[in-house]
């Protein structure tokens, strides 16, 4: 599965693209800028969960920067 992101200037254009995608049999969804940021943050958190344990000292040192 591939994903395409199209940034539109107004809701009229968004409706056109969503309608076209659905008409040709694809799933489509409109996302706000906040939802995109949340998804990116969630992805980074998931990646971080896959790393090895880090000491409290190294975390505190990184936060000082």
C-alpha atoms as a PDB file:
ATOM      1  CA  UNK A   1       0.000   0.000   0.000  1.00  0.00           C
ATOM      2  CA  UNK A   2       1.257   3.480  -0.864  1.00  0.00           C
ATOM      3  CA  UNK A   3       0.053   6.819   0.428  1.00  0.00           C
ATOM      4  CA  UNK A   4      -0.197  10.138  -1.367  1.00  0.00           C
ATOM      5  CA  UNK A   5      -0.546  13.431   0.471  1.00  0.00           C
ATOM      6  CA  UNK A   6      -1.986  16.398  -1.413  1.00  0.00           C
ATOM      7  CA  UNK A   7      -2.022  19.785   0.284  1.00  0.00           C
ATOM      8  CA  UNK A   8      -4.972  21.883  -0.849  1.00  0.00           C
ATOM      9  CA  UNK A   9      -5.714  25.562  -0.425  1.00  0.00           C
ATOM     10  CA  UNK A  10      -9.422  25.303   0.343  1.00  0.00           C
ATOM     11  CA  UNK A  11     -12.164  22.856   1.278  1.00  0.00           C
ATOM     12  CA  UNK A  12     -13.599  22.884  -2.242  1.00  0.00           C
ATOM     13  CA  UNK A  13     -10.368  21.402  -3.617  1.00  0.00           C
ATOM     14  CA  UNK A  14     -10.246  18.879  -0.768  1.00  0.00           C
ATOM     15  CA  UNK A  15     -13.757  17.679  -1.589  1.00  0.00           C
ATOM     16  CA  UNK A  16     -12.793  17.279  -5.256  1.00  0.00           C
ATOM     17  CA  UNK A  17      -9.743  15.119  -4.476  1.00  0.00           C
ATOM     18  CA  UNK A  18     -11.624  13.047  -1.889  1.00  0.00           C
ATOM     19  CA  UNK A  19     -14.472  12.473  -4.313  1.00  0.00           C
ATOM     20  CA  UNK A  20     -12.103  11.462  -7.102  1.00  0.00           C
ATOM     21  CA  UNK A  21     -10.211   9.016  -4.891  1.00  0.00           C
ATOM     22  CA  UNK A  22     -13.406   7.366  -3.699  1.00  0.00           C
ATOM     23  CA  UNK A  23     -14.844   7.243  -7.223  1.00  0.00           C
ATOM     24  CA  UNK A  24     -11.877   5.193  -8.489  1.00  0.00           C
ATOM     25  CA  UNK A  25     -12.109   2.802  -5.532  1.00  0.00           C
ATOM     26  CA  UNK A  26      -9.479   4.142  -3.159  1.00  0.00           C
ATOM     27  CA  UNK A  27      -9.852   5.106   0.468  1.00  0.00           C
ATOM     28  CA  UNK A  28      -9.422   8.806   1.177  1.00  0.00           C
ATOM     29  CA  UNK A  29      -9.457  10.962   4.283  1.00  0.00           C
ATOM     30  CA  UNK A  30      -8.934  14.624   5.000  1.00  0.00           C
ATOM     31  CA  UNK A  31      -6.450  15.450   7.792  1.00  0.00           C
ATOM     32  CA  UNK A  32      -5.840  18.739   9.546  1.00  0.00           C
ATOM     33  CA  UNK A  33      -2.317  20.070  10.123  1.00  0.00           C
ATOM     34  CA  UNK A  34      -2.676  19.112  13.802  1.00  0.00           C
ATOM     35  CA  UNK A  35      -3.593  15.518  12.923  1.00  0.00           C
ATOM     36  CA  UNK A  36      -0.543  15.262  10.657  1.00  0.00           C
ATOM     37  CA  UNK A  37       1.717  16.560  13.431  1.00  0.00           C
ATOM     38  CA  UNK A  38       0.173  14.107  15.905  1.00  0.00           C
ATOM     39  CA  UNK A  39       0.767  11.193  13.518  1.00  0.00           C
ATOM     40  CA  UNK A  40       4.396  12.220  13.055  1.00  0.00           C
ATOM     41  CA  UNK A  41       4.922  12.477  16.795  1.00  0.00           C
ATOM     42  CA  UNK A  42       3.298   9.074  17.331  1.00  0.00           C
ATOM     43  CA  UNK A  43       5.612   7.573  14.700  1.00  0.00           C
ATOM     44  CA  UNK A  44       8.675   9.008  16.458  1.00  0.00           C
ATOM     45  CA  UNK A  45       7.465   7.702  19.818  1.00  0.00           C
ATOM     46  CA  UNK A  46       6.980   4.219  18.327  1.00  0.00           C
ATOM     47  CA  UNK A  47      10.481   4.303  16.862  1.00  0.00           C
ATOM     48  CA  UNK A  48      11.829   5.324  20.269  1.00  0.00           C
ATOM     49  CA  UNK A  49      10.053   2.413  21.930  1.00  0.00           C
ATOM     50  CA  UNK A  50      12.037   0.006  19.739  1.00  0.00           C
ATOM     51  CA  UNK A  51      15.437   1.238  20.944  1.00  0.00           C
ATOM     52  CA  UNK A  52      17.380  -0.166  23.837  1.00  0.00           C
ATOM     53  CA  UNK A  53      16.999   1.241  27.340  1.00  0.00           C
ATOM     54  CA  UNK A  54      18.697   4.539  28.037  1.00  0.00           C
ATOM     55  CA  UNK A  55      19.980   5.648  31.412  1.00  0.00           C
ATOM     56  CA  UNK A  56      18.290   8.463  33.311  1.00  0.00           C
ATOM     57  CA  UNK A  57      21.597  10.338  33.277  1.00  0.00           C
ATOM     58  CA  UNK A  58      21.820  10.368  29.477  1.00  0.00           C
ATOM     59  CA  UNK A  59      18.182  11.517  29.190  1.00  0.00           C
ATOM     60  CA  UNK A  60      18.748  14.389  31.615  1.00  0.00           C
ATOM     61  CA  UNK A  61      21.922  15.364  29.775  1.00  0.00           C
ATOM     62  CA  UNK A  62      20.044  15.450  26.449  1.00  0.00           C
ATOM     63  CA  UNK A  63      17.279  17.585  27.959  1.00  0.00           C
ATOM     64  CA  UNK A  64      19.802  20.192  29.105  1.00  0.00           C
ATOM     65  CA  UNK A  65      20.621  21.067  25.494  1.00  0.00           C
END
